[in-house]
């Protein structure tokens, strides 16, 4: 009887978890598309993915409040998107990568919302988000 309860509890926990079918290994390889603007640097200074400084450091972005990375000046719209305390999760990152301006307009309800990120990645965002989620 106890095994059935644990089995049911495990199944329910799995179903309750957000489903994002990203492949972290593919996301790590695909991150090369992001390196011209973004680096991934751990708090101890270890460069996990060497890259540009046009965009914020993406280490720990999953679970971070939107628009709050230290030492980066975000657009007013992105700061507004995080003003309610919303934190990035994999699904939001994947959607944002697809079309940053459209995502901001939907999140803020402001038809004039704009992101500094002009790059769009309509395919593979879930893989990159899945890889970023491993970096904490």
C-alpha atoms as a PDB file:
ATOM      1  CA  UNK A   1       0.000   0.000   0.000  1.00  0.00           C
ATOM      2  CA  UNK A   2       2.818   2.413   0.897  1.00  0.00           C
ATOM      3  CA  UNK A   3       4.468   1.887  -2.512  1.00  0.00           C
ATOM      4  CA  UNK A   4       1.222   2.830  -4.234  1.00  0.00           C
ATOM      5  CA  UNK A   5       0.975   6.034  -2.256  1.00  0.00           C
ATOM      6  CA  UNK A   6       4.590   6.973  -3.057  1.00  0.00           C
ATOM      7  CA  UNK A   7       4.053   6.065  -6.688  1.00  0.00           C
ATOM      8  CA  UNK A   8       0.940   8.234  -6.869  1.00  0.00           C
ATOM      9  CA  UNK A   9       2.687  11.093  -5.066  1.00  0.00           C
ATOM     10  CA  UNK A  10       5.619  10.892  -7.489  1.00  0.00           C
ATOM     11  CA  UNK A  11       3.319  10.892 -10.499  1.00  0.00           C
ATOM     12  CA  UNK A  12       1.399  13.898  -9.195  1.00  0.00           C
ATOM     13  CA  UNK A  13       4.616  15.802  -8.487  1.00  0.00           C
ATOM     14  CA  UNK A  14       5.819  15.092 -12.019  1.00  0.00           C
ATOM     15  CA  UNK A  15       2.529  16.278 -13.513  1.00  0.00           C
ATOM     16  CA  UNK A  16       2.586  19.440 -11.402  1.00  0.00           C
ATOM     17  CA  UNK A  17       6.073  20.400 -12.600  1.00  0.00           C
ATOM     18  CA  UNK A  18       6.205  22.837 -15.509  1.00  0.00           C
ATOM     19  CA  UNK A  19       6.701  20.938 -18.741  1.00  0.00           C
ATOM     20  CA  UNK A  20       9.331  22.381 -21.009  1.00  0.00           C
ATOM     21  CA  UNK A  21      10.845  19.947 -23.439  1.00  0.00           C
ATOM     22  CA  UNK A  22      14.214  21.613 -23.696  1.00  0.00           C
ATOM     23  CA  UNK A  23      17.476  19.763 -24.218  1.00  0.00           C
ATOM     24  CA  UNK A  24      20.237  21.341 -22.078  1.00  0.00           C
ATOM     25  CA  UNK A  25      23.059  19.843 -24.164  1.00  0.00           C
ATOM     26  CA  UNK A  26      21.576  21.283 -27.352  1.00  0.00           C
ATOM     27  CA  UNK A  27      20.959  24.573 -25.563  1.00  0.00           C
ATOM     28  CA  UNK A  28      24.599  24.806 -24.511  1.00  0.00           C
ATOM     29  CA  UNK A  29      25.679  24.285 -28.127  1.00  0.00           C
ATOM     30  CA  UNK A  30      23.056  26.730 -29.430  1.00  0.00           C
ATOM     31  CA  UNK A  31      24.144  29.394 -26.950  1.00  0.00           C
ATOM     32  CA  UNK A  32      26.809  30.354 -29.497  1.00  0.00           C
ATOM     33  CA  UNK A  33      24.030  32.393 -31.135  1.00  0.00           C
ATOM     34  CA  UNK A  34      23.782  34.456 -27.944  1.00  0.00           C
ATOM     35  CA  UNK A  35      27.495  34.999 -27.262  1.00  0.00           C
ATOM     36  CA  UNK A  36      27.853  38.142 -29.299  1.00  0.00           C
ATOM     37  CA  UNK A  37      25.821  39.913 -26.600  1.00  0.00           C
ATOM     38  CA  UNK A  38      25.737  37.656 -23.527  1.00  0.00           C
ATOM     39  CA  UNK A  39      28.294  35.953 -21.324  1.00  0.00           C
ATOM     40  CA  UNK A  40      27.684  33.400 -18.602  1.00  0.00           C
ATOM     41  CA  UNK A  41      29.985  34.132 -15.686  1.00  0.00           C
ATOM     42  CA  UNK A  42      29.625  32.444 -12.291  1.00  0.00           C
ATOM     43  CA  UNK A  43      29.778  34.563  -9.121  1.00  0.00           C
ATOM     44  CA  UNK A  44      33.343  33.321  -8.487  1.00  0.00           C
ATOM     45  CA  UNK A  45      34.411  34.758 -11.877  1.00  0.00           C
ATOM     46  CA  UNK A  46      34.492  31.466 -13.783  1.00  0.00           C
ATOM     47  CA  UNK A  47      33.589  32.067 -17.429  1.00  0.00           C
ATOM     48  CA  UNK A  48      31.171  29.314 -18.358  1.00  0.00           C
ATOM     49  CA  UNK A  49      30.422  30.895 -21.719  1.00  0.00           C
ATOM     50  CA  UNK A  50      32.631  33.723 -22.879  1.00  0.00           C
ATOM     51  CA  UNK A  51      30.658  36.412 -24.625  1.00  0.00           C
ATOM     52  CA  UNK A  52      29.787  40.039 -25.071  1.00  0.00           C
ATOM     53  CA  UNK A  53      28.638  42.626 -22.587  1.00  0.00           C
ATOM     54  CA  UNK A  54      25.871  44.211 -24.633  1.00  0.00           C
ATOM     55  CA  UNK A  55      23.393  42.050 -22.724  1.00  0.00           C
ATOM     56  CA  UNK A  56      23.379  40.994 -19.071  1.00  0.00           C
ATOM     57  CA  UNK A  57      25.306  38.064 -17.637  1.00  0.00           C
ATOM     58  CA  UNK A  58      22.935  35.103 -17.854  1.00  0.00           C
ATOM     59  CA  UNK A  59      24.356  33.043 -14.994  1.00  0.00           C
ATOM     60  CA  UNK A  60      21.470  32.347 -12.607  1.00  0.00           C
ATOM     61  CA  UNK A  61      18.899  34.057 -14.807  1.00  0.00           C
ATOM     62  CA  UNK A  62      16.354  31.294 -14.142  1.00  0.00           C
ATOM     63  CA  UNK A  63      14.917  32.224 -10.765  1.00  0.00           C
ATOM     64  CA  UNK A  64      16.149  35.842 -10.915  1.00  0.00           C
ATOM     65  CA  UNK A  65      13.662  38.688 -10.770  1.00  0.00           C
ATOM     66  CA  UNK A  66      13.145  40.126 -14.247  1.00  0.00           C
ATOM     67  CA  UNK A  67      15.298  43.173 -14.982  1.00  0.00           C
ATOM     68  CA  UNK A  68      17.491  42.994 -11.890  1.00  0.00           C
ATOM     69  CA  UNK A  69      20.927  41.661 -12.889  1.00  0.00           C
ATOM     70  CA  UNK A  70      23.622  43.756 -11.271  1.00  0.00           C
ATOM     71  CA  UNK A  71      25.672  46.060 -13.454  1.00  0.00           C
ATOM     72  CA  UNK A  72      23.253  46.112 -16.374  1.00  0.00           C
ATOM     73  CA  UNK A  73      20.958  48.937 -17.486  1.00  0.00           C
ATOM     74  CA  UNK A  74      17.722  47.383 -18.734  1.00  0.00           C
ATOM     75  CA  UNK A  75      15.045  49.044 -20.831  1.00  0.00           C
ATOM     76  CA  UNK A  76      12.268  50.712 -18.842  1.00  0.00           C
ATOM     77  CA  UNK A  77       9.853  48.125 -20.236  1.00  0.00           C
ATOM     78  CA  UNK A  78      11.873  45.165 -18.966  1.00  0.00           C
ATOM     79  CA  UNK A  79      12.217  46.743 -15.525  1.00  0.00           C
ATOM     80  CA  UNK A  80       8.445  47.295 -15.526  1.00  0.00           C
ATOM     81  CA  UNK A  81       7.914  43.625 -16.434  1.00  0.00           C
ATOM     82  CA  UNK A  82       9.725  42.606 -13.255  1.00  0.00           C
ATOM     83  CA  UNK A  83       8.392  45.340 -10.986  1.00  0.00           C
ATOM     84  CA  UNK A  84       5.764  42.965  -9.585  1.00  0.00           C
ATOM     85  CA  UNK A  85       8.496  40.559  -8.447  1.00  0.00           C
ATOM     86  CA  UNK A  86       8.102  38.088 -11.314  1.00  0.00           C
ATOM     87  CA  UNK A  87      11.138  35.845 -11.721  1.00  0.00           C
ATOM     88  CA  UNK A  88      12.332  34.259 -14.934  1.00  0.00           C
ATOM     89  CA  UNK A  89      11.476  30.615 -15.478  1.00  0.00           C
ATOM     90  CA  UNK A  90      12.343  28.405 -18.439  1.00  0.00           C
ATOM     91  CA  UNK A  91       9.051  28.960 -20.247  1.00  0.00           C
ATOM     92  CA  UNK A  92       9.306  32.749 -19.942  1.00  0.00           C
ATOM     93  CA  UNK A  93      12.906  32.789 -21.171  1.00  0.00           C
ATOM     94  CA  UNK A  94      11.997  30.598 -24.162  1.00  0.00           C
ATOM     95  CA  UNK A  95       9.071  32.865 -25.014  1.00  0.00           C
ATOM     96  CA  UNK A  96      11.143  36.027 -24.537  1.00  0.00           C
ATOM     97  CA  UNK A  97      13.909  34.728 -26.804  1.00  0.00           C
ATOM     98  CA  UNK A  98      11.325  34.030 -29.517  1.00  0.00           C
ATOM     99  CA  UNK A  99      10.282  37.704 -29.724  1.00  0.00           C
ATOM    100  CA  UNK A 100      11.432  40.022 -26.924  1.00  0.00           C
ATOM    101  CA  UNK A 101       9.248  42.999 -27.848  1.00  0.00           C
ATOM    102  CA  UNK A 102       6.079  40.931 -28.278  1.00  0.00           C
ATOM    103  CA  UNK A 103       6.755  39.208 -24.941  1.00  0.00           C
ATOM    104  CA  UNK A 104       7.181  42.558 -23.177  1.00  0.00           C
ATOM    105  CA  UNK A 105       4.031  43.989 -24.722  1.00  0.00           C
ATOM    106  CA  UNK A 106       2.053  40.998 -23.513  1.00  0.00           C
ATOM    107  CA  UNK A 107       3.631  40.930 -20.029  1.00  0.00           C
ATOM    108  CA  UNK A 108       3.293  44.662 -19.349  1.00  0.00           C
ATOM    109  CA  UNK A 109       0.100  45.356 -21.290  1.00  0.00           C
ATOM    110  CA  UNK A 110       1.907  48.293 -22.884  1.00  0.00           C
ATOM    111  CA  UNK A 111       1.649  48.356 -26.679  1.00  0.00           C
ATOM    112  CA  UNK A 112       4.730  50.598 -26.800  1.00  0.00           C
ATOM    113  CA  UNK A 113       6.949  48.313 -24.660  1.00  0.00           C
ATOM    114  CA  UNK A 114      10.403  47.710 -26.116  1.00  0.00           C
ATOM    115  CA  UNK A 115      13.354  45.542 -25.270  1.00  0.00           C
ATOM    116  CA  UNK A 116      16.973  46.403 -25.902  1.00  0.00           C
ATOM    117  CA  UNK A 117      17.305  42.857 -27.263  1.00  0.00           C
ATOM    118  CA  UNK A 118      16.670  42.991 -30.997  1.00  0.00           C
ATOM    119  CA  UNK A 119      17.641  39.375 -31.713  1.00  0.00           C
ATOM    120  CA  UNK A 120      14.812  36.860 -32.143  1.00  0.00           C
ATOM    121  CA  UNK A 121      15.219  33.089 -31.942  1.00  0.00           C
ATOM    122  CA  UNK A 122      11.969  31.444 -33.075  1.00  0.00           C
ATOM    123  CA  UNK A 123      13.375  27.913 -32.701  1.00  0.00           C
ATOM    124  CA  UNK A 124      15.500  26.436 -29.940  1.00  0.00           C
ATOM    125  CA  UNK A 125      14.697  28.871 -27.160  1.00  0.00           C
ATOM    126  CA  UNK A 126      13.442  26.051 -24.944  1.00  0.00           C
ATOM    127  CA  UNK A 127      16.820  24.314 -25.298  1.00  0.00           C
ATOM    128  CA  UNK A 128      18.769  27.428 -24.339  1.00  0.00           C
ATOM    129  CA  UNK A 129      16.409  28.066 -21.410  1.00  0.00           C
ATOM    130  CA  UNK A 130      16.841  24.471 -20.283  1.00  0.00           C
ATOM    131  CA  UNK A 131      20.641  24.865 -20.327  1.00  0.00           C
ATOM    132  CA  UNK A 132      20.473  28.188 -18.483  1.00  0.00           C
ATOM    133  CA  UNK A 133      18.359  26.489 -15.804  1.00  0.00           C
ATOM    134  CA  UNK A 134      21.300  24.194 -15.031  1.00  0.00           C
ATOM    135  CA  UNK A 135      23.517  27.172 -14.169  1.00  0.00           C
ATOM    136  CA  UNK A 136      22.889  28.156 -10.559  1.00  0.00           C
END
